[in-house]
Amino acid sequence: LAGEITSNAQVDYAQVARDVVRSIGYT
């Protein structure tokens, strides 16, 4: 994951990525 983000949110980017891939079916 690369790019630019400016936000007040606190996000676990790695976990979001894993959750998306899991929901697609790559498990």
mmCIF file of all heavy atoms, coordinates in Angstrom:
data_MODEL
# 
_entry.id   MODEL 
# 
loop_
_atom_site.group_PDB 
_atom_site.id 
_atom_site.type_symbol 
_atom_site.label_atom_id 
_atom_site.label_alt_id 
_atom_site.label_comp_id 
_atom_site.label_asym_id 
_atom_site.label_entity_id 
_atom_site.label_seq_id 
_atom_site.pdbx_PDB_ins_code 
_atom_site.Cartn_x 
_atom_site.Cartn_y 
_atom_site.Cartn_z 
_atom_site.occupancy 
_atom_site.B_iso_or_equiv 
_atom_site.pdbx_formal_charge 
_atom_site.auth_seq_id 
_atom_site.auth_comp_id 
_atom_site.auth_asym_id 
_atom_site.auth_atom_id 
_atom_site.pdbx_PDB_model_num 
ATOM 1   N N   . LEU A 1 1  ? 0.854   -1.183  0.000  1.00 0.00 ? 1  LEU A N   1 
ATOM 2   C CA  . LEU A 1 1  ? 0.000   0.000   0.000  1.00 0.00 ? 1  LEU A CA  1 
ATOM 3   C C   . LEU A 1 1  ? 0.892   1.236   0.000  1.00 0.00 ? 1  LEU A C   1 
ATOM 4   O O   . LEU A 1 1  ? 1.781   1.364   0.851  1.00 0.00 ? 1  LEU A O   1 
ATOM 5   C CB  . LEU A 1 1  ? -0.907  0.028   1.230  1.00 0.00 ? 1  LEU A CB  1 
ATOM 6   C CG  . LEU A 1 1  ? -2.196  -0.789  1.209  1.00 0.00 ? 1  LEU A CG  1 
ATOM 7   C CD1 . LEU A 1 1  ? -1.899  -2.276  1.050  1.00 0.00 ? 1  LEU A CD1 1 
ATOM 8   C CD2 . LEU A 1 1  ? -3.005  -0.558  2.478  1.00 0.00 ? 1  LEU A CD2 1 
ATOM 9   N N   . ALA A 1 2  ? 0.670   2.144   -0.943 1.00 0.00 ? 2  ALA A N   1 
ATOM 10  C CA  . ALA A 1 2  ? 1.473   3.357   -1.026 1.00 0.00 ? 2  ALA A CA  1 
ATOM 11  C C   . ALA A 1 2  ? 0.583   4.522   -1.416 1.00 0.00 ? 2  ALA A C   1 
ATOM 12  O O   . ALA A 1 2  ? -0.468  4.339   -2.042 1.00 0.00 ? 2  ALA A O   1 
ATOM 13  C CB  . ALA A 1 2  ? 2.605   3.190   -2.043 1.00 0.00 ? 2  ALA A CB  1 
ATOM 14  N N   . GLY A 1 3  ? 0.999   5.731   -1.045 1.00 0.00 ? 3  GLY A N   1 
ATOM 15  C CA  . GLY A 1 3  ? 0.229   6.903   -1.423 1.00 0.00 ? 3  GLY A CA  1 
ATOM 16  C C   . GLY A 1 3  ? 0.209   7.944   -0.340 1.00 0.00 ? 3  GLY A C   1 
ATOM 17  O O   . GLY A 1 3  ? 1.057   7.958   0.566  1.00 0.00 ? 3  GLY A O   1 
ATOM 18  N N   . GLU A 1 4  ? -0.795  8.821   -0.425 1.00 0.00 ? 4  GLU A N   1 
ATOM 19  C CA  . GLU A 1 4  ? -0.876  9.978   0.455  1.00 0.00 ? 4  GLU A CA  1 
ATOM 20  C C   . GLU A 1 4  ? -2.221  10.002  1.166  1.00 0.00 ? 4  GLU A C   1 
ATOM 21  O O   . GLU A 1 4  ? -3.265  9.918   0.502  1.00 0.00 ? 4  GLU A O   1 
ATOM 22  C CB  . GLU A 1 4  ? -0.696  11.274  -0.337 1.00 0.00 ? 4  GLU A CB  1 
ATOM 23  C CG  . GLU A 1 4  ? 0.603   11.356  -1.125 1.00 0.00 ? 4  GLU A CG  1 
ATOM 24  C CD  . GLU A 1 4  ? 0.560   10.577  -2.418 1.00 0.00 ? 4  GLU A CD  1 
ATOM 25  O OE1 . GLU A 1 4  ? -0.449  10.683  -3.143 1.00 0.00 ? 4  GLU A OE1 1 
ATOM 26  O OE2 . GLU A 1 4  ? 1.526   9.833   -2.689 1.00 0.00 ? 4  GLU A OE2 1 
ATOM 27  N N   . ILE A 1 5  ? -2.184  10.152  2.478  1.00 0.00 ? 5  ILE A N   1 
ATOM 28  C CA  . ILE A 1 5  ? -3.410  10.196  3.273  1.00 0.00 ? 5  ILE A CA  1 
ATOM 29  C C   . ILE A 1 5  ? -3.265  11.279  4.335  1.00 0.00 ? 5  ILE A C   1 
ATOM 30  O O   . ILE A 1 5  ? -2.267  11.332  5.058  1.00 0.00 ? 5  ILE A O   1 
ATOM 31  C CB  . ILE A 1 5  ? -3.685  8.836   3.950  1.00 0.00 ? 5  ILE A CB  1 
ATOM 32  C CG1 . ILE A 1 5  ? -4.054  7.792   2.895  1.00 0.00 ? 5  ILE A CG1 1 
ATOM 33  C CG2 . ILE A 1 5  ? -4.799  8.963   5.002  1.00 0.00 ? 5  ILE A CG2 1 
ATOM 34  C CD1 . ILE A 1 5  ? -4.213  6.391   3.432  1.00 0.00 ? 5  ILE A CD1 1 
ATOM 35  N N   . THR A 1 6  ? -4.279  12.147  4.422  1.00 0.00 ? 6  THR A N   1 
ATOM 36  C CA  . THR A 1 6  ? -4.378  13.116  5.502  1.00 0.00 ? 6  THR A CA  1 
ATOM 37  C C   . THR A 1 6  ? -5.739  12.936  6.155  1.00 0.00 ? 6  THR A C   1 
ATOM 38  O O   . THR A 1 6  ? -6.771  13.139  5.504  1.00 0.00 ? 6  THR A O   1 
ATOM 39  C CB  . THR A 1 6  ? -4.216  14.556  4.983  1.00 0.00 ? 6  THR A CB  1 
ATOM 40  O OG1 . THR A 1 6  ? -2.924  14.683  4.369  1.00 0.00 ? 6  THR A OG1 1 
ATOM 41  C CG2 . THR A 1 6  ? -4.330  15.559  6.121  1.00 0.00 ? 6  THR A CG2 1 
ATOM 42  N N   . SER A 1 7  ? -5.751  12.520  7.415  1.00 0.00 ? 7  SER A N   1 
ATOM 43  C CA  . SER A 1 7  ? -7.010  12.172  8.068  1.00 0.00 ? 7  SER A CA  1 
ATOM 44  C C   . SER A 1 7  ? -6.832  12.161  9.579  1.00 0.00 ? 7  SER A C   1 
ATOM 45  O O   . SER A 1 7  ? -5.729  11.926  10.090 1.00 0.00 ? 7  SER A O   1 
ATOM 46  C CB  . SER A 1 7  ? -7.470  10.779  7.600  1.00 0.00 ? 7  SER A CB  1 
ATOM 47  O OG  . SER A 1 7  ? -8.631  10.366  8.280  1.00 0.00 ? 7  SER A OG  1 
ATOM 48  N N   . ASN A 1 8  ? -7.931  12.393  10.283 1.00 0.00 ? 8  ASN A N   1 
ATOM 49  C CA  . ASN A 1 8  ? -7.949  12.256  11.736 1.00 0.00 ? 8  ASN A CA  1 
ATOM 50  C C   . ASN A 1 8  ? -8.310  10.845  12.178 1.00 0.00 ? 8  ASN A C   1 
ATOM 51  O O   . ASN A 1 8  ? -8.347  10.556  13.371 1.00 0.00 ? 8  ASN A O   1 
ATOM 52  C CB  . ASN A 1 8  ? -8.944  13.252  12.344 1.00 0.00 ? 8  ASN A CB  1 
ATOM 53  C CG  . ASN A 1 8  ? -8.479  14.692  12.190 1.00 0.00 ? 8  ASN A CG  1 
ATOM 54  O OD1 . ASN A 1 8  ? -7.297  14.987  12.359 1.00 0.00 ? 8  ASN A OD1 1 
ATOM 55  N ND2 . ASN A 1 8  ? -9.411  15.585  11.858 1.00 0.00 ? 8  ASN A ND2 1 
ATOM 56  N N   . ALA A 1 9  ? -8.615  9.982   11.213 1.00 0.00 ? 9  ALA A N   1 
ATOM 57  C CA  . ALA A 1 9  ? -8.992  8.603   11.530 1.00 0.00 ? 9  ALA A CA  1 
ATOM 58  C C   . ALA A 1 9  ? -7.778  7.790   11.963 1.00 0.00 ? 9  ALA A C   1 
ATOM 59  O O   . ALA A 1 9  ? -6.649  8.063   11.553 1.00 0.00 ? 9  ALA A O   1 
ATOM 60  C CB  . ALA A 1 9  ? -9.649  7.957   10.319 1.00 0.00 ? 9  ALA A CB  1 
ATOM 61  N N   . GLN A 1 10 ? -8.026  6.789   12.779 1.00 0.00 ? 10 GLN A N   1 
ATOM 62  C CA  . GLN A 1 10 ? -7.005  5.835   13.198 1.00 0.00 ? 10 GLN A CA  1 
ATOM 63  C C   . GLN A 1 10 ? -7.362  4.479   12.597 1.00 0.00 ? 10 GLN A C   1 
ATOM 64  O O   . GLN A 1 10 ? -8.335  3.847   13.014 1.00 0.00 ? 10 GLN A O   1 
ATOM 65  C CB  . GLN A 1 10 ? -6.942  5.755   14.724 1.00 0.00 ? 10 GLN A CB  1 
ATOM 66  C CG  . GLN A 1 10 ? -6.563  7.063   15.392 1.00 0.00 ? 10 GLN A CG  1 
ATOM 67  C CD  . GLN A 1 10 ? -5.160  7.514   15.030 1.00 0.00 ? 10 GLN A CD  1 
ATOM 68  O OE1 . GLN A 1 10 ? -4.211  6.717   15.049 1.00 0.00 ? 10 GLN A OE1 1 
ATOM 69  N NE2 . GLN A 1 10 ? -5.006  8.795   14.695 1.00 0.00 ? 10 GLN A NE2 1 
ATOM 70  N N   . VAL A 1 11 ? -6.609  4.062   11.614 1.00 0.00 ? 11 VAL A N   1 
ATOM 71  C CA  . VAL A 1 11 ? -6.954  2.861   10.851 1.00 0.00 ? 11 VAL A CA  1 
ATOM 72  C C   . VAL A 1 11 ? -5.763  1.911   10.811 1.00 0.00 ? 11 VAL A C   1 
ATOM 73  O O   . VAL A 1 11 ? -4.622  2.331   10.580 1.00 0.00 ? 11 VAL A O   1 
ATOM 74  C CB  . VAL A 1 11 ? -7.372  3.235   9.406  1.00 0.00 ? 11 VAL A CB  1 
ATOM 75  C CG1 . VAL A 1 11 ? -7.513  1.989   8.536  1.00 0.00 ? 11 VAL A CG1 1 
ATOM 76  C CG2 . VAL A 1 11 ? -8.678  4.020   9.423  1.00 0.00 ? 11 VAL A CG2 1 
ATOM 77  N N   . ASP A 1 12 ? -6.030  0.628   11.022 1.00 0.00 ? 12 ASP A N   1 
ATOM 78  C CA  . ASP A 1 12 ? -5.030  -0.421  10.854 1.00 0.00 ? 12 ASP A CA  1 
ATOM 79  C C   . ASP A 1 12 ? -5.072  -0.835  9.375  1.00 0.00 ? 12 ASP A C   1 
ATOM 80  O O   . ASP A 1 12 ? -5.881  -1.661  8.970  1.00 0.00 ? 12 ASP A O   1 
ATOM 81  C CB  . ASP A 1 12 ? -5.355  -1.604  11.761 1.00 0.00 ? 12 ASP A CB  1 
ATOM 82  C CG  . ASP A 1 12 ? -4.302  -2.709  11.700 1.00 0.00 ? 12 ASP A CG  1 
ATOM 83  O OD1 . ASP A 1 12 ? -3.553  -2.775  10.706 1.00 0.00 ? 12 ASP A OD1 1 
ATOM 84  O OD2 . ASP A 1 12 ? -4.254  -3.523  12.650 1.00 0.00 ? 12 ASP A OD2 1 
ATOM 85  N N   . TYR A 1 13 ? -4.215  -0.231  8.583  1.00 0.00 ? 13 TYR A N   1 
ATOM 86  C CA  . TYR A 1 13 ? -4.275  -0.427  7.137  1.00 0.00 ? 13 TYR A CA  1 
ATOM 87  C C   . TYR A 1 13 ? -4.027  -1.877  6.745  1.00 0.00 ? 13 TYR A C   1 
ATOM 88  O O   . TYR A 1 13 ? -4.689  -2.411  5.842  1.00 0.00 ? 13 TYR A O   1 
ATOM 89  C CB  . TYR A 1 13 ? -3.261  0.486   6.445  1.00 0.00 ? 13 TYR A CB  1 
ATOM 90  C CG  . TYR A 1 13 ? -3.511  1.956   6.673  1.00 0.00 ? 13 TYR A CG  1 
ATOM 91  C CD1 . TYR A 1 13 ? -2.573  2.734   7.348  1.00 0.00 ? 13 TYR A CD1 1 
ATOM 92  C CD2 . TYR A 1 13 ? -4.674  2.557   6.222  1.00 0.00 ? 13 TYR A CD2 1 
ATOM 93  C CE1 . TYR A 1 13 ? -2.799  4.096   7.560  1.00 0.00 ? 13 TYR A CE1 1 
ATOM 94  C CE2 . TYR A 1 13 ? -4.914  3.904   6.426  1.00 0.00 ? 13 TYR A CE2 1 
ATOM 95  C CZ  . TYR A 1 13 ? -3.967  4.671   7.104  1.00 0.00 ? 13 TYR A CZ  1 
ATOM 96  O OH  . TYR A 1 13 ? -4.197  6.004   7.317  1.00 0.00 ? 13 TYR A OH  1 
ATOM 97  N N   . ALA A 1 14 ? -3.098  -2.529  7.400  1.00 0.00 ? 14 ALA A N   1 
ATOM 98  C CA  . ALA A 1 14 ? -2.808  -3.925  7.076  1.00 0.00 ? 14 ALA A CA  1 
ATOM 99  C C   . ALA A 1 14 ? -4.019  -4.808  7.341  1.00 0.00 ? 14 ALA A C   1 
ATOM 100 O O   . ALA A 1 14 ? -4.342  -5.704  6.551  1.00 0.00 ? 14 ALA A O   1 
ATOM 101 C CB  . ALA A 1 14 ? -1.605  -4.414  7.869  1.00 0.00 ? 14 ALA A CB  1 
ATOM 102 N N   . GLN A 1 15 ? -4.720  -4.548  8.447  1.00 0.00 ? 15 GLN A N   1 
ATOM 103 C CA  . GLN A 1 15 ? -5.893  -5.348  8.763  1.00 0.00 ? 15 GLN A CA  1 
ATOM 104 C C   . GLN A 1 15 ? -7.018  -5.109  7.768  1.00 0.00 ? 15 GLN A C   1 
ATOM 105 O O   . GLN A 1 15 ? -7.714  -6.044  7.359  1.00 0.00 ? 15 GLN A O   1 
ATOM 106 C CB  . GLN A 1 15 ? -6.385  -5.043  10.178 1.00 0.00 ? 15 GLN A CB  1 
ATOM 107 C CG  . GLN A 1 15 ? -7.469  -5.999  10.664 1.00 0.00 ? 15 GLN A CG  1 
ATOM 108 C CD  . GLN A 1 15 ? -6.988  -7.442  10.688 1.00 0.00 ? 15 GLN A CD  1 
ATOM 109 O OE1 . GLN A 1 15 ? -5.945  -7.751  11.259 1.00 0.00 ? 15 GLN A OE1 1 
ATOM 110 N NE2 . GLN A 1 15 ? -7.724  -8.341  10.038 1.00 0.00 ? 15 GLN A NE2 1 
ATOM 111 N N   . VAL A 1 16 ? -7.199  -3.861  7.360  1.00 0.00 ? 16 VAL A N   1 
ATOM 112 C CA  . VAL A 1 16 ? -8.212  -3.560  6.332  1.00 0.00 ? 16 VAL A CA  1 
ATOM 113 C C   . VAL A 1 16 ? -7.905  -4.337  5.062  1.00 0.00 ? 16 VAL A C   1 
ATOM 114 O O   . VAL A 1 16 ? -8.791  -4.950  4.453  1.00 0.00 ? 16 VAL A O   1 
ATOM 115 C CB  . VAL A 1 16 ? -8.264  -2.048  6.040  1.00 0.00 ? 16 VAL A CB  1 
ATOM 116 C CG1 . VAL A 1 16 ? -9.110  -1.764  4.796  1.00 0.00 ? 16 VAL A CG1 1 
ATOM 117 C CG2 . VAL A 1 16 ? -8.816  -1.283  7.232  1.00 0.00 ? 16 VAL A CG2 1 
ATOM 118 N N   . ALA A 1 17 ? -6.641  -4.322  4.651  1.00 0.00 ? 17 ALA A N   1 
ATOM 119 C CA  . ALA A 1 17 ? -6.253  -5.029  3.431  1.00 0.00 ? 17 ALA A CA  1 
ATOM 120 C C   . ALA A 1 17 ? -6.533  -6.524  3.544  1.00 0.00 ? 17 ALA A C   1 
ATOM 121 O O   . ALA A 1 17 ? -7.079  -7.145  2.619  1.00 0.00 ? 17 ALA A O   1 
ATOM 122 C CB  . ALA A 1 17 ? -4.772  -4.788  3.140  1.00 0.00 ? 17 ALA A CB  1 
ATOM 123 N N   . ARG A 1 18 ? -6.178  -7.102  4.674  1.00 0.00 ? 18 ARG A N   1 
ATOM 124 C CA  . ARG A 1 18 ? -6.428  -8.536  4.864  1.00 0.00 ? 18 ARG A CA  1 
ATOM 125 C C   . ARG A 1 18 ? -7.924  -8.847  4.845  1.00 0.00 ? 18 ARG A C   1 
ATOM 126 O O   . ARG A 1 18 ? -8.354  -9.856  4.265  1.00 0.00 ? 18 ARG A O   1 
ATOM 127 C CB  . ARG A 1 18 ? -5.806  -9.012  6.182  1.00 0.00 ? 18 ARG A CB  1 
ATOM 128 C CG  . ARG A 1 18 ? -4.295  -8.967  6.204  1.00 0.00 ? 18 ARG A CG  1 
ATOM 129 C CD  . ARG A 1 18 ? -3.754  -9.599  7.491  1.00 0.00 ? 18 ARG A CD  1 
ATOM 130 N NE  . ARG A 1 18 ? -2.334  -9.312  7.657  1.00 0.00 ? 18 ARG A NE  1 
ATOM 131 C CZ  . ARG A 1 18 ? -1.359  -9.951  7.035  1.00 0.00 ? 18 ARG A CZ  1 
ATOM 132 N NH1 . ARG A 1 18 ? -1.658  -10.925 6.193  1.00 0.00 ? 18 ARG A NH1 1 
ATOM 133 N NH2 . ARG A 1 18 ? -0.095  -9.629  7.254  1.00 0.00 ? 18 ARG A NH2 1 
ATOM 134 N N   . ASP A 1 19 ? -8.709  -8.005  5.488  1.00 0.00 ? 19 ASP A N   1 
ATOM 135 C CA  . ASP A 1 19 ? -10.158 -8.243  5.529  1.00 0.00 ? 19 ASP A CA  1 
ATOM 136 C C   . ASP A 1 19 ? -10.761 -8.202  4.119  1.00 0.00 ? 19 ASP A C   1 
ATOM 137 O O   . ASP A 1 19 ? -11.645 -9.009  3.785  1.00 0.00 ? 19 ASP A O   1 
ATOM 138 C CB  . ASP A 1 19 ? -10.837 -7.197  6.411  1.00 0.00 ? 19 ASP A CB  1 
ATOM 139 C CG  . ASP A 1 19 ? -10.532 -7.377  7.887  1.00 0.00 ? 19 ASP A CG  1 
ATOM 140 O OD1 . ASP A 1 19 ? -10.025 -8.460  8.273  1.00 0.00 ? 19 ASP A OD1 1 
ATOM 141 O OD2 . ASP A 1 19 ? -10.780 -6.428  8.661  1.00 0.00 ? 19 ASP A OD2 1 
ATOM 142 N N   . VAL A 1 20 ? -10.303 -7.270  3.296  1.00 0.00 ? 20 VAL A N   1 
ATOM 143 C CA  . VAL A 1 20 ? -10.808 -7.178  1.926  1.00 0.00 ? 20 VAL A CA  1 
ATOM 144 C C   . VAL A 1 20 ? -10.444 -8.428  1.140  1.00 0.00 ? 20 VAL A C   1 
ATOM 145 O O   . VAL A 1 20 ? -11.297 -9.040  0.480  1.00 0.00 ? 20 VAL A O   1 
ATOM 146 C CB  . VAL A 1 20 ? -10.255 -5.916  1.224  1.00 0.00 ? 20 VAL A CB  1 
ATOM 147 C CG1 . VAL A 1 20 ? -10.582 -5.955  -0.274 1.00 0.00 ? 20 VAL A CG1 1 
ATOM 148 C CG2 . VAL A 1 20 ? -10.824 -4.649  1.844  1.00 0.00 ? 20 VAL A CG2 1 
ATOM 149 N N   . VAL A 1 21 ? -9.198  -8.831  1.204  1.00 0.00 ? 21 VAL A N   1 
ATOM 150 C CA  . VAL A 1 21 ? -8.748  -10.007 0.453  1.00 0.00 ? 21 VAL A CA  1 
ATOM 151 C C   . VAL A 1 21 ? -9.486  -11.250 0.920  1.00 0.00 ? 21 VAL A C   1 
ATOM 152 O O   . VAL A 1 21 ? -9.886  -12.105 0.116  1.00 0.00 ? 21 VAL A O   1 
ATOM 153 C CB  . VAL A 1 21 ? -7.225  -10.180 0.597  1.00 0.00 ? 21 VAL A CB  1 
ATOM 154 C CG1 . VAL A 1 21 ? -6.770  -11.498 -0.024 1.00 0.00 ? 21 VAL A CG1 1 
ATOM 155 C CG2 . VAL A 1 21 ? -6.496  -9.010  -0.056 1.00 0.00 ? 21 VAL A CG2 1 
ATOM 156 N N   . ARG A 1 22 ? -9.706  -11.355 2.224  1.00 0.00 ? 22 ARG A N   1 
ATOM 157 C CA  . ARG A 1 22 ? -10.430 -12.504 2.766  1.00 0.00 ? 22 ARG A CA  1 
ATOM 158 C C   . ARG A 1 22 ? -11.864 -12.546 2.234  1.00 0.00 ? 22 ARG A C   1 
ATOM 159 O O   . ARG A 1 22 ? -12.370 -13.616 1.856  1.00 0.00 ? 22 ARG A O   1 
ATOM 160 C CB  . ARG A 1 22 ? -10.438 -12.453 4.291  1.00 0.00 ? 22 ARG A CB  1 
ATOM 161 C CG  . ARG A 1 22 ? -11.010 -13.716 4.947  1.00 0.00 ? 22 ARG A CG  1 
ATOM 162 C CD  . ARG A 1 22 ? -11.021 -13.612 6.468  1.00 0.00 ? 22 ARG A CD  1 
ATOM 163 N NE  . ARG A 1 22 ? -9.685  -13.371 7.008  1.00 0.00 ? 22 ARG A NE  1 
ATOM 164 C CZ  . ARG A 1 22 ? -9.278  -12.209 7.513  1.00 0.00 ? 22 ARG A CZ  1 
ATOM 165 N NH1 . ARG A 1 22 ? -10.122 -11.171 7.556  1.00 0.00 ? 22 ARG A NH1 1 
ATOM 166 N NH2 . ARG A 1 22 ? -8.058  -12.077 7.979  1.00 0.00 ? 22 ARG A NH2 1 
ATOM 167 N N   . SER A 1 23 ? -12.526 -11.395 2.194  1.00 0.00 ? 23 SER A N   1 
ATOM 168 C CA  . SER A 1 23 ? -13.915 -11.360 1.729  1.00 0.00 ? 23 SER A CA  1 
ATOM 169 C C   . SER A 1 23 ? -14.028 -11.693 0.245  1.00 0.00 ? 23 SER A C   1 
ATOM 170 O O   . SER A 1 23 ? -15.060 -12.193 -0.208 1.00 0.00 ? 23 SER A O   1 
ATOM 171 C CB  . SER A 1 23 ? -14.531 -9.985  2.006  1.00 0.00 ? 23 SER A CB  1 
ATOM 172 O OG  . SER A 1 23 ? -13.970 -9.002  1.159  1.00 0.00 ? 23 SER A OG  1 
ATOM 173 N N   . ILE A 1 24 ? -12.988 -11.430 -0.522 1.00 0.00 ? 24 ILE A N   1 
ATOM 174 C CA  . ILE A 1 24 ? -12.987 -11.782 -1.944 1.00 0.00 ? 24 ILE A CA  1 
ATOM 175 C C   . ILE A 1 24 ? -12.954 -13.299 -2.119 1.00 0.00 ? 24 ILE A C   1 
ATOM 176 O O   . ILE A 1 24 ? -13.542 -13.834 -3.064 1.00 0.00 ? 24 ILE A O   1 
ATOM 177 C CB  . ILE A 1 24 ? -11.790 -11.125 -2.653 1.00 0.00 ? 24 ILE A CB  1 
ATOM 178 C CG1 . ILE A 1 24 ? -11.971 -9.602  -2.693 1.00 0.00 ? 24 ILE A CG1 1 
ATOM 179 C CG2 . ILE A 1 24 ? -11.618 -11.667 -4.073 1.00 0.00 ? 24 ILE A CG2 1 
ATOM 180 C CD1 . ILE A 1 24 ? -10.740 -8.843  -3.148 1.00 0.00 ? 24 ILE A CD1 1 
ATOM 181 N N   . GLY A 1 25 ? -12.269 -13.987 -1.200 1.00 0.00 ? 25 GLY A N   1 
ATOM 182 C CA  . GLY A 1 25 ? -12.214 -15.443 -1.269 1.00 0.00 ? 25 GLY A CA  1 
ATOM 183 C C   . GLY A 1 25 ? -10.823 -16.033 -1.307 1.00 0.00 ? 25 GLY A C   1 
ATOM 184 O O   . GLY A 1 25 ? -10.669 -17.245 -1.436 1.00 0.00 ? 25 GLY A O   1 
ATOM 185 N N   . TYR A 1 26 ? -9.807  -15.181 -1.176 1.00 0.00 ? 26 TYR A N   1 
ATOM 186 C CA  . TYR A 1 26 ? -8.427  -15.685 -1.159 1.00 0.00 ? 26 TYR A CA  1 
ATOM 187 C C   . TYR A 1 26 ? -8.028  -15.992 0.283  1.00 0.00 ? 26 TYR A C   1 
ATOM 188 O O   . TYR A 1 26 ? -7.455  -15.163 0.983  1.00 0.00 ? 26 TYR A O   1 
ATOM 189 C CB  . TYR A 1 26 ? -7.485  -14.663 -1.793 1.00 0.00 ? 26 TYR A CB  1 
ATOM 190 C CG  . TYR A 1 26 ? -7.645  -14.559 -3.291 1.00 0.00 ? 26 TYR A CG  1 
ATOM 191 C CD1 . TYR A 1 26 ? -8.067  -13.378 -3.890 1.00 0.00 ? 26 TYR A CD1 1 
ATOM 192 C CD2 . TYR A 1 26 ? -7.386  -15.659 -4.113 1.00 0.00 ? 26 TYR A CD2 1 
ATOM 193 C CE1 . TYR A 1 26 ? -8.222  -13.293 -5.264 1.00 0.00 ? 26 TYR A CE1 1 
ATOM 194 C CE2 . TYR A 1 26 ? -7.546  -15.582 -5.492 1.00 0.00 ? 26 TYR A CE2 1 
ATOM 195 C CZ  . TYR A 1 26 ? -7.963  -14.394 -6.057 1.00 0.00 ? 26 TYR A CZ  1 
ATOM 196 O OH  . TYR A 1 26 ? -8.120  -14.310 -7.421 1.00 0.00 ? 26 TYR A OH  1 
ATOM 197 N N   . THR A 1 27 ? -8.335  -17.196 0.691  1.00 0.00 ? 27 THR A N   1 
ATOM 198 C CA  . THR A 1 27 ? -8.165  -17.593 2.093  1.00 0.00 ? 27 THR A CA  1 
ATOM 199 C C   . THR A 1 27 ? -7.342  -18.868 2.261  1.00 0.00 ? 27 THR A C   1 
ATOM 200 O O   . THR A 1 27 ? -7.309  -19.440 3.342  1.00 0.00 ? 27 THR A O   1 
ATOM 201 C CB  . THR A 1 27 ? -9.541  -17.809 2.737  1.00 0.00 ? 27 THR A CB  1 
ATOM 202 O OG1 . THR A 1 27 ? -10.263 -18.799 1.983  1.00 0.00 ? 27 THR A OG1 1 
ATOM 203 C CG2 . THR A 1 27 ? -10.343 -16.518 2.768  1.00 0.00 ? 27 THR A CG2 1 
# 
